[in-house]
N, C-alpha and C. Protein backbone atom coordinates (compact mmCIF):
# COMPACT_ATOMS: atom_id res chain seq x y z
N UNK A 1 -24.53 21.63 24.57
CA UNK A 1 -24.61 21.48 26.00
C UNK A 1 -23.44 20.62 26.52
N UNK A 2 -23.07 19.59 25.73
CA UNK A 2 -21.94 18.75 26.13
C UNK A 2 -20.65 19.57 26.22
N UNK A 3 -20.51 20.54 25.33
CA UNK A 3 -19.30 21.35 25.31
C UNK A 3 -19.19 22.20 26.57
N UNK A 4 -20.30 22.77 27.00
CA UNK A 4 -20.29 23.60 28.21
C UNK A 4 -19.94 22.76 29.43
N UNK A 5 -20.56 21.59 29.56
CA UNK A 5 -20.26 20.69 30.67
C UNK A 5 -18.80 20.24 30.59
N UNK A 6 -18.31 19.99 29.38
CA UNK A 6 -16.92 19.60 29.19
C UNK A 6 -15.95 20.67 29.67
N UNK A 7 -16.25 21.94 29.36
CA UNK A 7 -15.38 23.03 29.82
C UNK A 7 -15.42 23.18 31.33
N UNK A 8 -16.60 22.99 31.92
CA UNK A 8 -16.71 23.07 33.38
C UNK A 8 -15.89 21.96 34.03
N UNK A 9 -16.02 20.74 33.51
CA UNK A 9 -15.25 19.62 34.05
C UNK A 9 -13.75 19.82 33.84
N UNK A 10 -13.38 20.33 32.68
CA UNK A 10 -11.97 20.58 32.39
C UNK A 10 -11.40 21.62 33.34
N UNK A 11 -12.14 22.68 33.59
CA UNK A 11 -11.67 23.74 34.49
C UNK A 11 -11.55 23.22 35.93
N UNK A 12 -12.61 22.61 36.43
CA UNK A 12 -12.57 22.15 37.82
C UNK A 12 -11.57 21.01 38.00
N UNK A 13 -11.49 20.11 37.04
CA UNK A 13 -10.51 19.03 37.12
C UNK A 13 -9.09 19.54 37.02
N UNK A 14 -8.86 20.50 36.15
CA UNK A 14 -7.52 21.08 36.04
C UNK A 14 -7.10 21.78 37.31
N UNK A 15 -8.03 22.51 37.92
CA UNK A 15 -7.72 23.16 39.19
C UNK A 15 -7.39 22.13 40.26
N UNK A 16 -8.16 21.06 40.33
CA UNK A 16 -7.90 20.02 41.32
C UNK A 16 -6.58 19.31 41.07
N UNK A 17 -6.24 19.10 39.81
CA UNK A 17 -5.00 18.40 39.49
C UNK A 17 -3.78 19.28 39.73
N UNK A 18 -3.88 20.55 39.42
CA UNK A 18 -2.74 21.45 39.56
C UNK A 18 -2.54 21.89 41.00
N UNK A 19 -3.63 22.23 41.69
CA UNK A 19 -3.53 22.73 43.05
C UNK A 19 -4.62 22.11 43.92
N UNK A 20 -4.38 20.90 44.43
CA UNK A 20 -5.41 20.23 45.22
C UNK A 20 -5.71 20.92 46.55
N UNK A 21 -4.78 21.73 47.05
CA UNK A 21 -5.05 22.45 48.29
C UNK A 21 -6.19 23.45 48.12
N UNK A 22 -6.23 24.13 46.99
CA UNK A 22 -7.30 25.09 46.72
C UNK A 22 -8.62 24.36 46.56
N UNK A 23 -8.60 23.21 45.88
CA UNK A 23 -9.82 22.42 45.74
C UNK A 23 -10.32 21.95 47.09
N UNK A 24 -9.41 21.55 47.98
CA UNK A 24 -9.80 21.15 49.33
C UNK A 24 -10.41 22.32 50.09
N UNK A 25 -9.81 23.48 49.94
CA UNK A 25 -10.31 24.67 50.63
C UNK A 25 -11.72 25.01 50.16
N UNK A 26 -11.99 24.92 48.86
CA UNK A 26 -13.33 25.22 48.34
C UNK A 26 -14.35 24.18 48.79
N UNK A 27 -13.91 22.93 48.89
CA UNK A 27 -14.84 21.86 49.21
C UNK A 27 -15.05 21.68 50.72
N UNK A 28 -13.97 21.64 51.48
CA UNK A 28 -14.07 21.29 52.90
C UNK A 28 -13.48 22.37 53.81
N UNK A 29 -12.43 23.00 53.38
CA UNK A 29 -11.68 23.89 54.25
C UNK A 29 -12.47 25.03 54.84
N UNK A 30 -13.48 25.53 54.15
CA UNK A 30 -14.26 26.64 54.66
C UNK A 30 -15.18 26.20 55.81
N UNK A 31 -15.39 24.89 55.97
CA UNK A 31 -16.27 24.40 57.03
C UNK A 31 -15.57 24.24 58.37
N UNK A 32 -14.26 24.05 58.35
CA UNK A 32 -13.51 23.78 59.57
C UNK A 32 -12.47 24.86 59.81
N UNK A 33 -12.09 25.02 61.07
CA UNK A 33 -11.12 26.04 61.43
C UNK A 33 -9.79 25.38 61.76
N UNK A 34 -8.72 25.92 61.24
CA UNK A 34 -7.35 25.45 61.51
C UNK A 34 -7.16 23.98 61.21
N UNK A 35 -7.62 23.54 60.05
CA UNK A 35 -7.45 22.14 59.64
C UNK A 35 -6.62 22.10 58.37
N UNK A 36 -5.91 21.02 58.21
CA UNK A 36 -5.09 20.80 57.02
C UNK A 36 -5.50 19.48 56.38
N UNK A 37 -5.47 19.40 55.05
CA UNK A 37 -5.81 18.13 54.41
C UNK A 37 -4.68 17.12 54.55
N UNK A 38 -5.04 15.86 54.56
CA UNK A 38 -4.02 14.81 54.64
C UNK A 38 -3.38 14.61 53.26
N UNK A 39 -2.22 14.00 53.26
CA UNK A 39 -1.54 13.72 51.99
C UNK A 39 -2.36 12.77 51.13
N UNK A 40 -3.02 11.81 51.76
CA UNK A 40 -3.85 10.86 51.00
C UNK A 40 -5.02 11.58 50.33
N UNK A 41 -5.63 12.52 51.03
CA UNK A 41 -6.76 13.25 50.44
C UNK A 41 -6.28 14.15 49.30
N UNK A 42 -5.11 14.75 49.44
CA UNK A 42 -4.58 15.58 48.35
C UNK A 42 -4.28 14.73 47.12
N UNK A 43 -3.74 13.52 47.33
CA UNK A 43 -3.49 12.62 46.21
C UNK A 43 -4.81 12.22 45.55
N UNK A 44 -5.81 11.88 46.36
CA UNK A 44 -7.13 11.52 45.84
C UNK A 44 -7.72 12.67 45.02
N UNK A 45 -7.62 13.89 45.53
CA UNK A 45 -8.15 15.06 44.82
C UNK A 45 -7.42 15.27 43.50
N UNK A 46 -6.12 15.06 43.49
CA UNK A 46 -5.35 15.22 42.26
C UNK A 46 -5.74 14.17 41.21
N UNK A 47 -5.91 12.92 41.64
CA UNK A 47 -6.29 11.84 40.71
C UNK A 47 -7.69 12.10 40.14
N UNK A 48 -8.62 12.48 41.01
CA UNK A 48 -9.98 12.78 40.55
C UNK A 48 -9.95 13.97 39.59
N UNK A 49 -9.12 14.95 39.85
CA UNK A 49 -8.99 16.09 38.95
C UNK A 49 -8.50 15.69 37.57
N UNK A 50 -7.56 14.78 37.52
CA UNK A 50 -7.05 14.30 36.23
C UNK A 50 -8.15 13.55 35.48
N UNK A 51 -8.90 12.71 36.19
CA UNK A 51 -9.99 11.97 35.55
C UNK A 51 -11.06 12.92 35.04
N UNK A 52 -11.42 13.93 35.84
CA UNK A 52 -12.42 14.91 35.39
C UNK A 52 -11.94 15.68 34.17
N UNK A 53 -10.67 16.01 34.13
CA UNK A 53 -10.12 16.73 32.97
C UNK A 53 -10.20 15.87 31.71
N UNK A 54 -9.91 14.60 31.85
CA UNK A 54 -9.99 13.69 30.69
C UNK A 54 -11.44 13.57 30.21
N UNK A 55 -12.37 13.42 31.15
CA UNK A 55 -13.78 13.34 30.76
C UNK A 55 -14.23 14.64 30.11
N UNK A 56 -13.78 15.78 30.64
CA UNK A 56 -14.10 17.07 30.03
C UNK A 56 -13.58 17.18 28.61
N UNK A 57 -12.35 16.74 28.37
CA UNK A 57 -11.80 16.77 27.02
C UNK A 57 -12.58 15.86 26.07
N UNK A 58 -12.98 14.70 26.56
CA UNK A 58 -13.78 13.79 25.74
C UNK A 58 -15.10 14.45 25.36
N UNK A 59 -15.74 15.11 26.32
CA UNK A 59 -17.02 15.77 26.02
C UNK A 59 -16.83 16.94 25.06
N UNK A 60 -15.75 17.68 25.18
CA UNK A 60 -15.51 18.81 24.29
C UNK A 60 -15.29 18.35 22.86
N UNK A 61 -14.50 17.29 22.66
CA UNK A 61 -14.13 16.88 21.32
C UNK A 61 -14.98 15.77 20.73
N UNK A 62 -16.00 15.32 21.46
CA UNK A 62 -16.87 14.29 20.89
C UNK A 62 -17.96 14.94 20.05
N UNK A 63 -18.44 14.20 19.09
CA UNK A 63 -19.49 14.72 18.23
C UNK A 63 -20.77 14.48 18.87
């Protein structure tokens, strides 16, 4: 079960780290019309994505 959660975290974190605009669109962008994310929010999304990816890797490779 830890491995499955690890892969989910790795996928979602990787997506957020690589392309925070898409993560913003999935999370908030569909709720509002003609809005753009701020640079601070994109940085926050990227940092959280990196942290989630690290946690996912730890869960995948832990016994």
